[in-house]
Structure formats: C-alpha cells, structure tokens
C-alpha cells in the first residue's frame, strides 16, 4: 500500500509516495509541454521513470531509459473513470498504479 502526499512548496505539481514512513518516489510534472503532460518519476530504489500522457487520446506511457514499463488507457465513455493498465514483468504494480492516479489528477483537474 502506498500513501500519496502533495508537496506544497515546490515549483509545479509535485507528489511524494510513501510506504508507511518510508519515502519511495517523487513525481514531478514538467511545466512547459504542449498537447501532453510529462512527468519525471524519481524512484529511490530503482532507475527513474518518465510518464507521458497524450491528452487527446487518453493514452499514458511510462518508460525507463526509453524502454516501456507500462501502458495505460483511459476509457472515453464511461460513468466513472475506467482504465486498462498493462505493467511489464518485474515492475512494482502498486507504484505504477499510484503514479497513474497522480498523473490523471494533474492532467485532468476538475
């Protein structure tokens, strides 16, 4: 289980992920991108990730060193937010899902 906490005093949207009291990752939205949201995901125990969200297609891709780690698709017409998430073997599924929550909150703010 992970806990998501927004870092309030930062340049741009920044979130921290915790397992209990242990800091696991920091997710920061890049401020100046067009037609997509891009996020740097710094993971304390592994290589960093990059998430890109195509706003028009509701498609998310997560990569490490240019190699795919996860593909996320958000359904267009649904009564609630519905996602398909395909996570590569050996990756932390809870971390990827928590990252998906953060990216969706930042890119589709109400």
PDB file of N, CA and C in Angstrom:
ATOM      1  N   UNK A   1       0.845  -1.170   0.000  1.00  0.00           N
ATOM      2  CA  UNK A   1       0.000   0.000   0.000  1.00  0.00           C
ATOM      3  C   UNK A   1       0.896   1.241   0.000  1.00  0.00           C
ATOM      4  N   UNK A   2       0.503   2.238  -0.780  1.00  0.00           N
ATOM      5  CA  UNK A   2       1.246   3.497  -0.849  1.00  0.00           C
ATOM      6  C   UNK A   2       0.356   4.654  -0.418  1.00  0.00           C
ATOM      7  N   UNK A   3       0.973   5.663   0.143  1.00  0.00           N
ATOM      8  CA  UNK A   3       0.313   6.895   0.542  1.00  0.00           C
ATOM      9  C   UNK A   3       0.835   7.998  -0.363  1.00  0.00           C
ATOM     10  N   UNK A   4      -0.064   8.798  -0.930  1.00  0.00           N
ATOM     11  CA  UNK A   4       0.310   9.902  -1.829  1.00  0.00           C
ATOM     12  C   UNK A   4       0.174  11.209  -1.061  1.00  0.00           C
ATOM     13  N   UNK A   5       1.255  12.014  -1.076  1.00  0.00           N
ATOM     14  CA  UNK A   5       1.224  13.311  -0.397  1.00  0.00           C
ATOM     15  C   UNK A   5       1.700  14.384  -1.372  1.00  0.00           C
ATOM     16  N   UNK A   6       0.909  15.454  -1.511  1.00  0.00           N
ATOM     17  CA  UNK A   6       1.318  16.558  -2.374  1.00  0.00           C
ATOM     18  C   UNK A   6       2.338  17.411  -1.642  1.00  0.00           C
ATOM     19  N   UNK A   7       3.412  17.743  -2.341  1.00  0.00           N
ATOM     20  CA  UNK A   7       4.436  18.627  -1.795  1.00  0.00           C
ATOM     21  C   UNK A   7       4.001  20.046  -2.119  1.00  0.00           C
ATOM     22  N   UNK A   8       3.731  20.840  -1.098  1.00  0.00           N
ATOM     23  CA  UNK A   8       3.106  22.141  -1.306  1.00  0.00           C
ATOM     24  C   UNK A   8       4.081  23.227  -1.757  1.00  0.00           C
ATOM     25  N   UNK A   9       5.274  23.258  -1.226  1.00  0.00           N
ATOM     26  CA  UNK A   9       6.221  24.318  -1.578  1.00  0.00           C
ATOM     27  C   UNK A   9       7.191  23.810  -2.634  1.00  0.00           C
ATOM     28  N   UNK A  10       6.726  23.790  -3.880  1.00  0.00           N
ATOM     29  CA  UNK A  10       7.576  23.334  -4.981  1.00  0.00           C
ATOM     30  C   UNK A  10       7.176  24.061  -6.248  1.00  0.00           C
ATOM     31  N   UNK A  11       8.077  24.059  -7.204  1.00  0.00           N
ATOM     32  CA  UNK A  11       7.816  24.678  -8.493  1.00  0.00           C
ATOM     33  C   UNK A  11       7.064  23.667  -9.347  1.00  0.00           C
ATOM     34  N   UNK A  12       5.784  23.852  -9.503  1.00  0.00           N
ATOM     35  CA  UNK A  12       4.948  22.930 -10.267  1.00  0.00           C
ATOM     36  C   UNK A  12       4.433  21.793  -9.407  1.00  0.00           C
ATOM     37  N   UNK A  13       3.433  21.069  -9.911  1.00  0.00           N
ATOM     38  CA  UNK A  13       2.846  19.965  -9.149  1.00  0.00           C
ATOM     39  C   UNK A  13       3.884  18.877  -8.840  1.00  0.00           C
ATOM     40  N   UNK A  14       4.028  18.589  -7.557  1.00  0.00           N
ATOM     41  CA  UNK A  14       4.973  17.577  -7.099  1.00  0.00           C
ATOM     42  C   UNK A  14       4.288  16.732  -6.029  1.00  0.00           C
ATOM     43  N   UNK A  15       4.429  15.414  -6.167  1.00  0.00           N
ATOM     44  CA  UNK A  15       3.814  14.482  -5.217  1.00  0.00           C
ATOM     45  C   UNK A  15       4.869  13.502  -4.735  1.00  0.00           C
ATOM     46  N   UNK A  16       4.733  13.062  -3.485  1.00  0.00           N
ATOM     47  CA  UNK A  16       5.629  12.079  -2.914  1.00  0.00           C
ATOM     48  C   UNK A  16       4.835  10.835  -2.550  1.00  0.00           C
ATOM     49  N   UNK A  17       5.445   9.674  -2.785  1.00  0.00           N
ATOM     50  CA  UNK A  17       4.817   8.393  -2.469  1.00  0.00           C
ATOM     51  C   UNK A  17       5.554   7.764  -1.296  1.00  0.00           C
ATOM     52  N   UNK A  18       4.785   7.249  -0.331  1.00  0.00           N
ATOM     53  CA  UNK A  18       5.341   6.633   0.872  1.00  0.00           C
ATOM     54  C   UNK A  18       4.742   5.257   1.087  1.00  0.00           C
ATOM     55  N   UNK A  19       5.572   4.328   1.556  1.00  0.00           N
ATOM     56  CA  UNK A  19       5.137   3.026   2.083  1.00  0.00           C
ATOM     57  C   UNK A  19       5.363   3.108   3.576  1.00  0.00           C
ATOM     58  N   UNK A  20       4.273   3.309   4.313  1.00  0.00           N
ATOM     59  CA  UNK A  20       4.437   3.577   5.742  1.00  0.00           C
ATOM     60  C   UNK A  20       5.159   4.905   5.903  1.00  0.00           C
ATOM     61  N   UNK A  21       6.275   4.895   6.654  1.00  0.00           N
ATOM     62  CA  UNK A  21       7.074   6.109   6.844  1.00  0.00           C
ATOM     63  C   UNK A  21       8.206   6.233   5.830  1.00  0.00           C
ATOM     64  N   UNK A  22       8.373   5.224   4.978  1.00  0.00           N
ATOM     65  CA  UNK A  22       9.484   5.199   4.032  1.00  0.00           C
ATOM     66  C   UNK A  22       9.122   5.902   2.719  1.00  0.00           C
ATOM     67  N   UNK A  23       9.928   6.906   2.350  1.00  0.00           N
ATOM     68  CA  UNK A  23       9.745   7.596   1.075  1.00  0.00           C
ATOM     69  C   UNK A  23      10.140   6.646  -0.050  1.00  0.00           C
ATOM     70  N   UNK A  24       9.271   6.502  -1.060  1.00  0.00           N
ATOM     71  CA  UNK A  24       9.503   5.559  -2.155  1.00  0.00           C
ATOM     72  C   UNK A  24       9.804   6.283  -3.461  1.00  0.00           C
ATOM     73  N   UNK A  25       9.059   7.359  -3.745  1.00  0.00           N
ATOM     74  CA  UNK A  25       9.214   8.030  -5.037  1.00  0.00           C
ATOM     75  C   UNK A  25       8.711   9.466  -4.959  1.00  0.00           C
ATOM     76  N   UNK A  26       9.196  10.275  -5.899  1.00  0.00           N
ATOM     77  CA  UNK A  26       8.717  11.646  -6.076  1.00  0.00           C
ATOM     78  C   UNK A  26       8.291  11.796  -7.528  1.00  0.00           C
ATOM     79  N   UNK A  27       7.098  12.346  -7.734  1.00  0.00           N
ATOM     80  CA  UNK A  27       6.556  12.550  -9.073  1.00  0.00           C
ATOM     81  C   UNK A  27       6.420  14.051  -9.301  1.00  0.00           C
ATOM     82  N   UNK A  28       7.034  14.535 -10.363  1.00  0.00           N
ATOM     83  CA  UNK A  28       7.002  15.969 -10.666  1.00  0.00           C
ATOM     84  C   UNK A  28       6.553  16.179 -12.102  1.00  0.00           C
ATOM     85  N   UNK A  29       5.578  17.053 -12.266  1.00  0.00           N
ATOM     86  CA  UNK A  29       5.070  17.392 -13.600  1.00  0.00           C
ATOM     87  C   UNK A  29       5.965  18.447 -14.226  1.00  0.00           C
ATOM     88  N   UNK A  30       6.371  18.183 -15.472  1.00  0.00           N
ATOM     89  CA  UNK A  30       7.111  19.203 -16.221  1.00  0.00           C
ATOM     90  C   UNK A  30       6.140  20.315 -16.580  1.00  0.00           C
ATOM     91  N   UNK A  31       6.579  21.533 -16.446  1.00  0.00           N
ATOM     92  CA  UNK A  31       5.671  22.676 -16.565  1.00  0.00           C
ATOM     93  C   UNK A  31       5.366  23.093 -17.998  1.00  0.00           C
ATOM     94  N   UNK A  32       6.288  23.000 -18.914  1.00  0.00           N
ATOM     95  CA  UNK A  32       6.098  23.597 -20.222  1.00  0.00           C
ATOM     96  C   UNK A  32       6.105  22.546 -21.325  1.00  0.00           C
ATOM     97  N   UNK A  33       4.979  21.870 -21.489  1.00  0.00           N
ATOM     98  CA  UNK A  33       4.811  20.905 -22.570  1.00  0.00           C
ATOM     99  C   UNK A  33       3.500  21.220 -23.281  1.00  0.00           C
ATOM    100  N   UNK A  34       3.441  20.953 -24.584  1.00  0.00           N
ATOM    101  CA  UNK A  34       2.240  21.218 -25.367  1.00  0.00           C
ATOM    102  C   UNK A  34       1.561  19.912 -25.745  1.00  0.00           C
ATOM    103  N   UNK A  35       0.251  19.863 -25.620  1.00  0.00           N
ATOM    104  CA  UNK A  35      -0.596  18.755 -26.067  1.00  0.00           C
ATOM    105  C   UNK A  35      -0.360  17.440 -25.324  1.00  0.00           C
ATOM    106  N   UNK A  36       0.474  17.464 -24.321  1.00  0.00           N
ATOM    107  CA  UNK A  36       0.658  16.274 -23.499  1.00  0.00           C
ATOM    108  C   UNK A  36       1.201  16.711 -22.142  1.00  0.00           C
ATOM    109  N   UNK A  37       1.006  15.879 -21.148  1.00  0.00           N
ATOM    110  CA  UNK A  37       1.606  16.089 -19.836  1.00  0.00           C
ATOM    111  C   UNK A  37       2.792  15.140 -19.723  1.00  0.00           C
ATOM    112  N   UNK A  38       3.898  15.632 -19.198  1.00  0.00           N
ATOM    113  CA  UNK A  38       5.079  14.807 -18.998  1.00  0.00           C
ATOM    114  C   UNK A  38       5.477  14.881 -17.534  1.00  0.00           C
ATOM    115  N   UNK A  39       5.843  13.720 -16.967  1.00  0.00           N
ATOM    116  CA  UNK A  39       6.185  13.620 -15.556  1.00  0.00           C
ATOM    117  C   UNK A  39       7.513  12.905 -15.386  1.00  0.00           C
ATOM    118  N   UNK A  40       8.327  13.402 -14.455  1.00  0.00           N
ATOM    119  CA  UNK A  40       9.524  12.695 -14.020  1.00  0.00           C
ATOM    120  C   UNK A  40       9.155  11.967 -12.731  1.00  0.00           C
ATOM    121  N   UNK A  41       9.445  10.671 -12.694  1.00  0.00           N
ATOM    122  CA  UNK A  41       9.142   9.860 -11.517  1.00  0.00           C
ATOM    123  C   UNK A  41      10.478   9.348 -10.983  1.00  0.00           C
ATOM    124  N   UNK A  42      10.937   9.959  -9.898  1.00  0.00           N
ATOM    125  CA  UNK A  42      12.196   9.541  -9.282  1.00  0.00           C
ATOM    126  C   UNK A  42      11.882   8.470  -8.245  1.00  0.00           C
ATOM    127  N   UNK A  43      12.418   7.270  -8.482  1.00  0.00           N
ATOM    128  CA  UNK A  43      12.189   6.157  -7.570  1.00  0.00           C
ATOM    129  C   UNK A  43      13.471   5.937  -6.774  1.00  0.00           C
ATOM    130  N   UNK A  44      13.355   5.890  -5.452  1.00  0.00           N
ATOM    131  CA  UNK A  44      14.522   5.809  -4.590  1.00  0.00           C
ATOM    132  C   UNK A  44      15.348   4.542  -4.812  1.00  0.00           C
ATOM    133  N   UNK A  45      14.722   3.408  -5.048  1.00  0.00           N
ATOM    134  CA  UNK A  45      15.432   2.133  -5.110  1.00  0.00           C
ATOM    135  C   UNK A  45      15.662   1.613  -6.533  1.00  0.00           C
ATOM    136  N   UNK A  46      15.196   2.320  -7.557  1.00  0.00           N
ATOM    137  CA  UNK A  46      15.313   1.844  -8.937  1.00  0.00           C
ATOM    138  C   UNK A  46      15.664   3.014  -9.841  1.00  0.00           C
ATOM    139  N   UNK A  47      15.790   2.724 -11.140  1.00  0.00           N
ATOM    140  CA  UNK A  47      16.005   3.788 -12.114  1.00  0.00           C
ATOM    141  C   UNK A  47      14.762   4.642 -12.262  1.00  0.00           C
ATOM    142  N   UNK A  48      14.958   5.902 -12.603  1.00  0.00           N
ATOM    143  CA  UNK A  48      13.842   6.835 -12.747  1.00  0.00           C
ATOM    144  C   UNK A  48      12.962   6.472 -13.938  1.00  0.00           C
ATOM    145  N   UNK A  49      11.714   6.910 -13.850  1.00  0.00           N
ATOM    146  CA  UNK A  49      10.727   6.693 -14.903  1.00  0.00           C
ATOM    147  C   UNK A  49      10.308   8.026 -15.485  1.00  0.00           C
ATOM    148  N   UNK A  50       9.756   7.962 -16.697  1.00  0.00           N
ATOM    149  CA  UNK A  50       9.130   9.130 -17.307  1.00  0.00           C
ATOM    150  C   UNK A  50       7.733   8.704 -17.756  1.00  0.00           C
ATOM    151  N   UNK A  51       6.747   9.511 -17.430  1.00  0.00           N
ATOM    152  CA  UNK A  51       5.375   9.241 -17.863  1.00  0.00           C
ATOM    153  C   UNK A  51       4.954  10.345 -18.819  1.00  0.00           C
ATOM    154  N   UNK A  52       4.352   9.943 -19.934  1.00  0.00           N
ATOM    155  CA  UNK A  52       3.802  10.907 -20.887  1.00  0.00           C
ATOM    156  C   UNK A  52       2.337  10.584 -21.081  1.00  0.00           C
ATOM    157  N   UNK A  53       1.522  11.634 -21.019  1.00  0.00           N
ATOM    158  CA  UNK A  53       0.082  11.494 -21.154  1.00  0.00           C
ATOM    159  C   UNK A  53      -0.352  12.249 -22.395  1.00  0.00           C
ATOM    160  N   UNK A  54      -0.921  11.519 -23.353  1.00  0.00           N
ATOM    161  CA  UNK A  54      -1.481  12.139 -24.548  1.00  0.00           C
ATOM    162  C   UNK A  54      -2.903  12.555 -24.196  1.00  0.00           C
ATOM    163  N   UNK A  55      -3.120  13.859 -24.049  1.00  0.00           N
ATOM    164  CA  UNK A  55      -4.409  14.360 -23.564  1.00  0.00           C
ATOM    165  C   UNK A  55      -5.557  14.086 -24.521  1.00  0.00           C
ATOM    166  N   UNK A  56      -5.298  14.092 -25.820  1.00  0.00           N
ATOM    167  CA  UNK A  56      -6.396  13.909 -26.769  1.00  0.00           C
ATOM    168  C   UNK A  56      -6.825  12.448 -26.873  1.00  0.00           C
ATOM    169  N   UNK A  57      -5.892  11.515 -26.699  1.00  0.00           N
ATOM    170  CA  UNK A  57      -6.221  10.094 -26.837  1.00  0.00           C
ATOM    171  C   UNK A  57      -6.419   9.381 -25.508  1.00  0.00           C
ATOM    172  N   UNK A  58      -6.174  10.059 -24.394  1.00  0.00           N
ATOM    173  CA  UNK A  58      -6.270   9.437 -23.066  1.00  0.00           C
ATOM    174  C   UNK A  58      -5.349   8.228 -22.955  1.00  0.00           C
ATOM    175  N   UNK A  59      -4.173   8.332 -23.541  1.00  0.00           N
ATOM    176  CA  UNK A  59      -3.190   7.252 -23.508  1.00  0.00           C
ATOM    177  C   UNK A  59      -2.001   7.692 -22.660  1.00  0.00           C
ATOM    178  N   UNK A  60      -1.553   6.819 -21.781  1.00  0.00           N
ATOM    179  CA  UNK A  60      -0.427   7.082 -20.919  1.00  0.00           C
ATOM    180  C   UNK A  60       0.670   6.070 -21.243  1.00  0.00           C
ATOM    181  N   UNK A  61       1.915   6.517 -21.282  1.00  0.00           N
ATOM    182  CA  UNK A  61       3.023   5.578 -21.412  1.00  0.00           C
ATOM    183  C   UNK A  61       4.043   5.900 -20.333  1.00  0.00           C
ATOM    184  N   UNK A  62       4.580   4.856 -19.725  1.00  0.00           N
ATOM    185  CA  UNK A  62       5.604   5.001 -18.691  1.00  0.00           C
ATOM    186  C   UNK A  62       6.836   4.261 -19.192  1.00  0.00           C
ATOM    187  N   UNK A  63       7.990   4.956 -19.176  1.00  0.00           N
ATOM    188  CA  UNK A  63       9.221   4.368 -19.685  1.00  0.00           C
ATOM    189  C   UNK A  63      10.358   4.531 -18.683  1.00  0.00           C
ATOM    190  N   UNK A  64      11.350   3.649 -18.795  1.00  0.00           N
ATOM    191  CA  UNK A  64      12.607   3.752 -18.052  1.00  0.00           C
ATOM    192  C   UNK A  64      13.714   3.647 -19.089  1.00  0.00           C
ATOM    193  N   UNK A  65      14.518   4.684 -19.206  1.00  0.00           N
ATOM    194  CA  UNK A  65      15.593   4.721 -20.205  1.00  0.00           C
ATOM    195  C   UNK A  65      15.067   4.442 -21.609  1.00  0.00           C
ATOM    196  N   UNK A  66      13.890   4.963 -21.923  1.00  0.00           N
ATOM    197  CA  UNK A  66      13.298   4.812 -23.244  1.00  0.00           C
ATOM    198  C   UNK A  66      12.596   3.491 -23.489  1.00  0.00           C
ATOM    199  N   UNK A  67      12.647   2.576 -22.527  1.00  0.00           N
ATOM    200  CA  UNK A  67      12.004   1.266 -22.686  1.00  0.00           C
ATOM    201  C   UNK A  67      10.665   1.267 -21.963  1.00  0.00           C
ATOM    202  N   UNK A  68       9.615   0.706 -22.580  1.00  0.00           N
ATOM    203  CA  UNK A  68       8.286   0.720 -21.961  1.00  0.00           C
ATOM    204  C   UNK A  68       8.230  -0.079 -20.665  1.00  0.00           C
ATOM    205  N   UNK A  69       7.582   0.509 -19.672  1.00  0.00           N
ATOM    206  CA  UNK A  69       7.365  -0.120 -18.376  1.00  0.00           C
ATOM    207  C   UNK A  69       5.874  -0.376 -18.164  1.00  0.00           C
ATOM    208  N   UNK A  70       5.044   0.548 -18.678  1.00  0.00           N
ATOM    209  CA  UNK A  70       3.592   0.396 -18.533  1.00  0.00           C
ATOM    210  C   UNK A  70       2.882   1.191 -19.619  1.00  0.00           C
ATOM    211  N   UNK A  71       1.728   0.691 -20.024  1.00  0.00           N
ATOM    212  CA  UNK A  71       0.818   1.383 -20.946  1.00  0.00           C
ATOM    213  C   UNK A  71      -0.526   1.486 -20.231  1.00  0.00           C
ATOM    214  N   UNK A  72      -1.090   2.678 -20.218  1.00  0.00           N
ATOM    215  CA  UNK A  72      -2.356   2.926 -19.545  1.00  0.00           C
ATOM    216  C   UNK A  72      -3.301   3.568 -20.543  1.00  0.00           C
ATOM    217  N   UNK A  73      -4.533   3.064 -20.602  1.00  0.00           N
ATOM    218  CA  UNK A  73      -5.563   3.635 -21.469  1.00  0.00           C
ATOM    219  C   UNK A  73      -6.768   3.993 -20.615  1.00  0.00           C
ATOM    220  N   UNK A  74      -7.267   5.190 -20.799  1.00  0.00           N
ATOM    221  CA  UNK A  74      -8.462   5.641 -20.091  1.00  0.00           C
ATOM    222  C   UNK A  74      -9.642   5.540 -21.047  1.00  0.00           C
ATOM    223  N   UNK A  75     -10.706   4.872 -20.597  1.00  0.00           N
ATOM    224  CA  UNK A  75     -11.897   4.731 -21.440  1.00  0.00           C
ATOM    225  C   UNK A  75     -12.558   6.073 -21.661  1.00  0.00           C
ATOM    226  N   UNK A  76     -13.026   6.280 -22.882  1.00  0.00           N
ATOM    227  CA  UNK A  76     -13.651   7.553 -23.240  1.00  0.00           C
ATOM    228  C   UNK A  76     -15.038   7.721 -22.648  1.00  0.00           C
ATOM    229  N   UNK A  77     -15.913   6.768 -22.879  1.00  0.00           N
ATOM    230  CA  UNK A  77     -17.308   6.937 -22.491  1.00  0.00           C
ATOM    231  C   UNK A  77     -17.648   5.918 -21.420  1.00  0.00           C
ATOM    232  N   UNK A  78     -17.732   6.417 -20.198  1.00  0.00           N
ATOM    233  CA  UNK A  78     -17.976   5.557 -19.054  1.00  0.00           C
ATOM    234  C   UNK A  78     -18.593   6.411 -17.952  1.00  0.00           C
ATOM    235  N   UNK A  79     -19.368   5.788 -17.081  1.00  0.00           N
ATOM    236  CA  UNK A  79     -19.983   6.523 -15.976  1.00  0.00           C
ATOM    237  C   UNK A  79     -18.958   6.918 -14.931  1.00  0.00           C
ATOM    238  N   UNK A  80     -17.859   6.226 -14.881  1.00  0.00           N
ATOM    239  CA  UNK A  80     -16.786   6.561 -13.953  1.00  0.00           C
ATOM    240  C   UNK A  80     -15.454   6.422 -14.692  1.00  0.00           C
ATOM    241  N   UNK A  81     -14.384   6.906 -14.079  1.00  0.00           N
ATOM    242  CA  UNK A  81     -13.069   6.760 -14.696  1.00  0.00           C
ATOM    243  C   UNK A  81     -12.700   5.284 -14.717  1.00  0.00           C
ATOM    244  N   UNK A  82     -12.405   4.769 -15.901  1.00  0.00           N
ATOM    245  CA  UNK A  82     -12.054   3.367 -16.085  1.00  0.00           C
ATOM    246  C   UNK A  82     -10.759   3.291 -16.881  1.00  0.00           C
ATOM    247  N   UNK A  83      -9.834   2.462 -16.416  1.00  0.00           N
ATOM    248  CA  UNK A  83      -8.518   2.358 -17.028  1.00  0.00           C
ATOM    249  C   UNK A  83      -8.185   0.914 -17.361  1.00  0.00           C
ATOM    250  N   UNK A  84      -7.383   0.744 -18.395  1.00  0.00           N
ATOM    251  CA  UNK A  84      -6.700  -0.514 -18.666  1.00  0.00           C
ATOM    252  C   UNK A  84      -5.230  -0.263 -18.415  1.00  0.00           C
ATOM    253  N   UNK A  85      -4.604  -1.099 -17.595  1.00  0.00           N
ATOM    254  CA  UNK A  85      -3.206  -0.888 -17.229  1.00  0.00           C
ATOM    255  C   UNK A  85      -2.423  -2.163 -17.522  1.00  0.00           C
ATOM    256  N   UNK A  86      -1.406  -2.047 -18.367  1.00  0.00           N
ATOM    257  CA  UNK A  86      -0.540  -3.170 -18.714  1.00  0.00           C
ATOM    258  C   UNK A  86       0.852  -2.851 -18.173  1.00  0.00           C
ATOM    259  N   UNK A  87       1.301  -3.630 -17.171  1.00  0.00           N
ATOM    260  CA  UNK A  87       2.555  -3.366 -16.472  1.00  0.00           C
ATOM    261  C   UNK A  87       3.557  -4.467 -16.814  1.00  0.00           C
ATOM    262  N   UNK A  88       4.773  -4.077 -17.160  1.00  0.00           N
ATOM    263  CA  UNK A  88       5.819  -5.032 -17.518  1.00  0.00           C
ATOM    264  C   UNK A  88       6.186  -5.901 -16.316  1.00  0.00           C
ATOM    265  N   UNK A  89       6.603  -7.125 -16.599  1.00  0.00           N
ATOM    266  CA  UNK A  89       7.032  -8.050 -15.551  1.00  0.00           C
ATOM    267  C   UNK A  89       8.208  -7.452 -14.784  1.00  0.00           C
ATOM    268  N   UNK A  90       8.205  -7.661 -13.478  1.00  0.00           N
ATOM    269  CA  UNK A  90       9.297  -7.179 -12.637  1.00  0.00           C
ATOM    270  C   UNK A  90       9.114  -5.769 -12.119  1.00  0.00           C
ATOM    271  N   UNK A  91       8.081  -5.083 -12.551  1.00  0.00           N
ATOM    272  CA  UNK A  91       7.810  -3.721 -12.078  1.00  0.00           C
ATOM    273  C   UNK A  91       6.867  -3.768 -10.878  1.00  0.00           C
ATOM    274  N   UNK A  92       6.911  -2.734 -10.068  1.00  0.00           N
ATOM    275  CA  UNK A  92       6.063  -2.622  -8.877  1.00  0.00           C
ATOM    276  C   UNK A  92       4.681  -2.139  -9.308  1.00  0.00           C
ATOM    277  N   UNK A  93       3.674  -3.032  -9.327  1.00  0.00           N
ATOM    278  CA  UNK A  93       2.358  -2.620  -9.828  1.00  0.00           C
ATOM    279  C   UNK A  93       1.695  -1.542  -8.970  1.00  0.00           C
ATOM    280  N   UNK A  94       1.900  -1.566  -7.674  1.00  0.00           N
ATOM    281  CA  UNK A  94       1.294  -0.553  -6.804  1.00  0.00           C
ATOM    282  C   UNK A  94       1.898   0.821  -7.088  1.00  0.00           C
ATOM    283  N   UNK A  95       3.196   0.860  -7.309  1.00  0.00           N
ATOM    284  CA  UNK A  95       3.862   2.117  -7.643  1.00  0.00           C
ATOM    285  C   UNK A  95       3.367   2.664  -8.980  1.00  0.00           C
ATOM    286  N   UNK A  96       3.213   1.797  -9.968  1.00  0.00           N
ATOM    287  CA  UNK A  96       2.713   2.230 -11.276  1.00  0.00           C
ATOM    288  C   UNK A  96       1.280   2.735 -11.161  1.00  0.00           C
ATOM    289  N   UNK A  97       0.443   2.030 -10.415  1.00  0.00           N
ATOM    290  CA  UNK A  97      -0.951   2.469 -10.246  1.00  0.00           C
ATOM    291  C   UNK A  97      -1.035   3.797  -9.492  1.00  0.00           C
ATOM    292  N   UNK A  98      -0.227   3.974  -8.442  1.00  0.00           N
ATOM    293  CA  UNK A  98      -0.212   5.249  -7.717  1.00  0.00           C
ATOM    294  C   UNK A  98       0.266   6.376  -8.628  1.00  0.00           C
ATOM    295  N   UNK A  99       1.250   6.101  -9.469  1.00  0.00           N
ATOM    296  CA  UNK A  99       1.732   7.102 -10.429  1.00  0.00           C
ATOM    297  C   UNK A  99       0.645   7.476 -11.427  1.00  0.00           C
ATOM    298  N   UNK A 100      -0.149   6.484 -11.825  1.00  0.00           N
ATOM    299  CA  UNK A 100      -1.274   6.739 -12.737  1.00  0.00           C
ATOM    300  C   UNK A 100      -2.297   7.664 -12.095  1.00  0.00           C
ATOM    301  N   UNK A 101      -2.575   7.452 -10.828  1.00  0.00           N
ATOM    302  CA  UNK A 101      -3.516   8.315 -10.104  1.00  0.00           C
ATOM    303  C   UNK A 101      -3.010   9.754 -10.099  1.00  0.00           C
ATOM    304  N   UNK A 102      -1.723   9.935  -9.789  1.00  0.00           N
ATOM    305  CA  UNK A 102      -1.148  11.283  -9.735  1.00  0.00           C
ATOM    306  C   UNK A 102      -1.187  11.949 -11.110  1.00  0.00           C
ATOM    307  N   UNK A 103      -0.771  11.232 -12.147  1.00  0.00           N
ATOM    308  CA  UNK A 103      -0.757  11.842 -13.483  1.00  0.00           C
ATOM    309  C   UNK A 103      -2.163  12.217 -13.931  1.00  0.00           C
ATOM    310  N   UNK A 104      -3.142  11.372 -13.625  1.00  0.00           N
ATOM    311  CA  UNK A 104      -4.515  11.688 -14.004  1.00  0.00           C
ATOM    312  C   UNK A 104      -5.033  12.912 -13.249  1.00  0.00           C
ATOM    313  N   UNK A 105      -4.729  12.995 -11.951  1.00  0.00           N
ATOM    314  CA  UNK A 105      -5.149  14.168 -11.154  1.00  0.00           C
ATOM    315  C   UNK A 105      -4.563  15.453 -11.728  1.00  0.00           C
ATOM    316  N   UNK A 106      -3.296  15.408 -12.123  1.00  0.00           N
ATOM    317  CA  UNK A 106      -2.628  16.619 -12.629  1.00  0.00           C
ATOM    318  C   UNK A 106      -3.095  17.014 -14.014  1.00  0.00           C
ATOM    319  N   UNK A 107      -3.360  16.032 -14.870  1.00  0.00           N
ATOM    320  CA  UNK A 107      -3.696  16.319 -16.260  1.00  0.00           C
ATOM    321  C   UNK A 107      -5.199  16.560 -16.490  1.00  0.00           C
ATOM    322  N   UNK A 108      -6.023  16.052 -15.610  1.00  0.00           N
ATOM    323  CA  UNK A 108      -7.477  16.190 -15.784  1.00  0.00           C
ATOM    324  C   UNK A 108      -8.117  16.793 -14.543  1.00  0.00           C
ATOM    325  N   UNK A 109      -7.552  17.910 -14.098  1.00  0.00           N
ATOM    326  CA  UNK A 109      -8.086  18.580 -12.920  1.00  0.00           C
ATOM    327  C   UNK A 109      -9.489  19.084 -13.193  1.00  0.00           C
ATOM    328  N   UNK A 110     -10.334  18.919 -12.183  1.00  0.00           N
ATOM    329  CA  UNK A 110     -11.732  19.377 -12.301  1.00  0.00           C
ATOM    330  C   UNK A 110     -11.827  20.852 -12.031  1.00  0.00           C
TER     331      UNK A 110
END
